[in-house]
């Protein structure tokens, strides 16, 4: 059995229903018979997943691993069969989903901040009217229009 020692995509890209994970040197390594082999991007370098089914789309992609002058060439379908790569793919997808939800919450935060600023300006306008501060009132009106 082949064990995945390290598996971190160089980057992950979402394109509609497709998730592309691109790998580079030193971000992917496997252990076979207590020997560590490092990924080299001489042939295949990406794993493409269907976002809805989480099935690997490019099963014929060939990944090459190297230790010294020895190489292991593994088509992706074989790597899926003889290793624990599924566990690592799941972890990567979970981390990617967390980053996506953090970005969404940041966008929502900006909208909330804008709403709070608008409400604050309206309260300050009310305060300016109550205290009959014409200068503050005019300044706030100009701010509100922008």
Protein backbone atom coordinates (compact mmCIF):
# COMPACT_ATOMS: atom_id res chain seq x y z
CA UNK A 1 0.00 0.00 0.00
CA UNK A 2 1.14 3.52 -0.77
CA UNK A 3 0.65 6.17 1.90
CA UNK A 4 0.35 9.83 1.07
CA UNK A 5 2.85 11.64 3.26
CA UNK A 6 2.03 15.20 2.22
CA UNK A 7 -0.59 16.57 -0.15
CA UNK A 8 -1.09 20.33 -0.44
CA UNK A 9 -2.26 21.83 -3.71
CA UNK A 10 -0.21 24.72 -5.03
CA UNK A 11 -3.61 26.27 -5.66
CA UNK A 12 -7.26 25.22 -5.86
CA UNK A 13 -9.58 26.74 -8.44
CA UNK A 14 -13.38 26.54 -8.57
CA UNK A 15 -14.87 26.72 -12.08
CA UNK A 16 -18.62 26.14 -11.95
CA UNK A 17 -19.11 22.48 -11.05
CA UNK A 18 -15.41 21.70 -11.39
CA UNK A 19 -12.73 21.87 -8.70
CA UNK A 20 -9.14 21.91 -9.97
CA UNK A 21 -6.26 21.19 -7.62
CA UNK A 22 -2.85 21.92 -9.10
CA UNK A 23 0.26 20.43 -7.50
CA UNK A 24 3.89 21.55 -7.62
CA UNK A 25 7.26 20.36 -6.31
CA UNK A 26 7.49 19.59 -2.59
CA UNK A 27 3.73 19.83 -2.04
CA UNK A 28 2.95 16.18 -2.70
CA UNK A 29 4.87 13.14 -1.50
CA UNK A 30 4.15 9.45 -1.03
CA UNK A 31 5.68 6.69 1.05
CA UNK A 32 6.19 3.26 -0.53
CA UNK A 33 7.96 0.50 1.40
CA UNK A 34 9.28 3.04 3.94
CA UNK A 35 10.84 5.16 1.18
CA UNK A 36 9.74 8.74 0.55
CA UNK A 37 9.09 9.78 -3.06
CA UNK A 38 8.43 13.41 -4.01
CA UNK A 39 6.07 14.55 -6.74
CA UNK A 40 7.60 16.06 -9.86
CA UNK A 41 5.30 17.76 -12.39
CA UNK A 42 6.73 16.20 -15.57
CA UNK A 43 3.43 14.73 -16.78
CA UNK A 44 0.20 15.27 -14.83
CA UNK A 45 -0.04 17.96 -12.20
CA UNK A 46 -3.73 18.46 -11.45
CA UNK A 47 -6.67 16.61 -10.00
CA UNK A 48 -10.07 17.63 -11.34
CA UNK A 49 -13.13 16.89 -9.21
CA UNK A 50 -16.83 17.21 -9.98
CA UNK A 51 -18.09 19.53 -7.22
CA UNK A 52 -21.50 17.88 -7.01
CA UNK A 53 -20.51 14.20 -7.03
CA UNK A 54 -16.93 14.65 -5.70
CA UNK A 55 -15.80 12.15 -8.33
CA UNK A 56 -12.35 12.49 -9.91
CA UNK A 57 -12.78 13.53 -13.56
CA UNK A 58 -9.24 13.04 -14.92
CA UNK A 59 -8.49 9.44 -13.91
CA UNK A 60 -5.94 8.94 -16.70
CA UNK A 61 -3.70 11.80 -15.52
CA UNK A 62 -0.24 10.36 -14.72
CA UNK A 63 1.58 11.54 -11.60
CA UNK A 64 5.33 10.99 -11.32
CA UNK A 65 7.19 10.66 -8.02
CA UNK A 66 10.96 10.61 -7.62
CA UNK A 67 13.55 9.45 -5.12
CA UNK A 68 17.08 9.97 -6.36
CA UNK A 69 17.30 8.35 -9.77
CA UNK A 70 14.20 6.17 -9.26
CA UNK A 71 10.76 7.14 -10.49
CA UNK A 72 7.23 5.91 -9.85
CA UNK A 73 4.65 6.68 -12.56
CA UNK A 74 1.09 6.30 -11.33
CA UNK A 75 -2.07 7.04 -13.27
CA UNK A 76 -4.53 8.81 -11.00
CA UNK A 77 -7.00 5.91 -11.07
CA UNK A 78 -4.27 3.59 -9.76
CA UNK A 79 -3.20 6.08 -7.10
CA UNK A 80 -6.82 6.21 -5.96
CA UNK A 81 -6.92 2.41 -5.72
CA UNK A 82 -3.64 1.72 -3.91
CA UNK A 83 -3.29 4.66 -1.55
CA UNK A 84 -5.05 6.68 1.14
CA UNK A 85 -5.35 9.72 -1.15
CA UNK A 86 -9.14 9.91 -0.54
CA UNK A 87 -8.55 11.04 3.04
CA UNK A 88 -6.24 13.82 1.91
CA UNK A 89 -8.60 14.97 -0.85
CA UNK A 90 -11.43 15.19 1.67
CA UNK A 91 -9.30 17.31 4.03
CA UNK A 92 -8.32 19.67 1.18
CA UNK A 93 -11.96 20.10 0.15
CA UNK A 94 -13.04 20.80 3.74
CA UNK A 95 -10.35 23.47 4.08
CA UNK A 96 -11.35 25.01 0.74
CA UNK A 97 -14.99 25.14 1.86
CA UNK A 98 -13.98 26.90 5.09
CA UNK A 99 -12.06 29.54 3.11
CA UNK A 100 -15.07 30.04 0.81
CA UNK A 101 -17.45 30.52 3.73
CA UNK A 102 -15.02 32.97 5.38
CA UNK A 103 -14.91 35.04 2.17
CA UNK A 104 -18.70 35.07 2.00
CA UNK A 105 -18.95 36.23 5.60
CA UNK A 106 -16.44 39.01 4.94
CA UNK A 107 -18.55 40.25 2.01
CA UNK A 108 -21.65 40.16 4.23
CA UNK A 109 -19.75 42.08 6.90
CA UNK A 110 -19.10 44.99 4.53
CA UNK A 111 -22.81 45.27 3.79
CA UNK A 112 -23.65 45.25 7.51
CA UNK A 113 -21.04 47.95 8.17
CA UNK A 114 -22.50 50.12 5.39
CA UNK A 115 -25.99 49.71 6.87
CA UNK A 116 -24.75 50.63 10.36
CA UNK A 117 -22.95 53.72 9.05
CA UNK A 118 -26.11 54.82 7.22
CA UNK A 119 -28.22 54.36 10.36
CA UNK A 120 -25.66 56.26 12.40
CA UNK A 121 -25.71 59.19 9.95
CA UNK A 122 -29.50 59.29 10.16
CA UNK A 123 -29.33 59.39 13.98
CA UNK A 124 -26.75 62.17 13.81
CA UNK A 125 -29.05 64.13 11.46
CA UNK A 126 -31.83 63.76 14.03
CA UNK A 127 -29.41 64.96 16.73
CA UNK A 128 -28.40 67.98 14.60
CA UNK A 129 -32.06 68.88 14.10
CA UNK A 130 -32.81 68.49 17.81
CA UNK A 131 -29.89 70.70 18.85
CA UNK A 132 -30.49 73.11 15.92
CA UNK A 133 -26.88 72.65 14.72
CA UNK A 134 -27.21 73.81 11.10
CA UNK A 135 -23.51 73.26 10.26
CA UNK A 136 -23.56 69.63 11.44
CA UNK A 137 -26.88 69.09 9.66
CA UNK A 138 -25.49 70.34 6.32
CA UNK A 139 -22.31 68.29 6.69
CA UNK A 140 -24.30 65.12 7.40
CA UNK A 141 -26.62 65.73 4.45
CA UNK A 142 -23.62 66.04 2.12
CA UNK A 143 -22.17 62.81 3.59
CA UNK A 144 -25.45 60.97 3.17
CA UNK A 145 -25.74 61.92 -0.51
CA UNK A 146 -22.38 60.24 -1.29
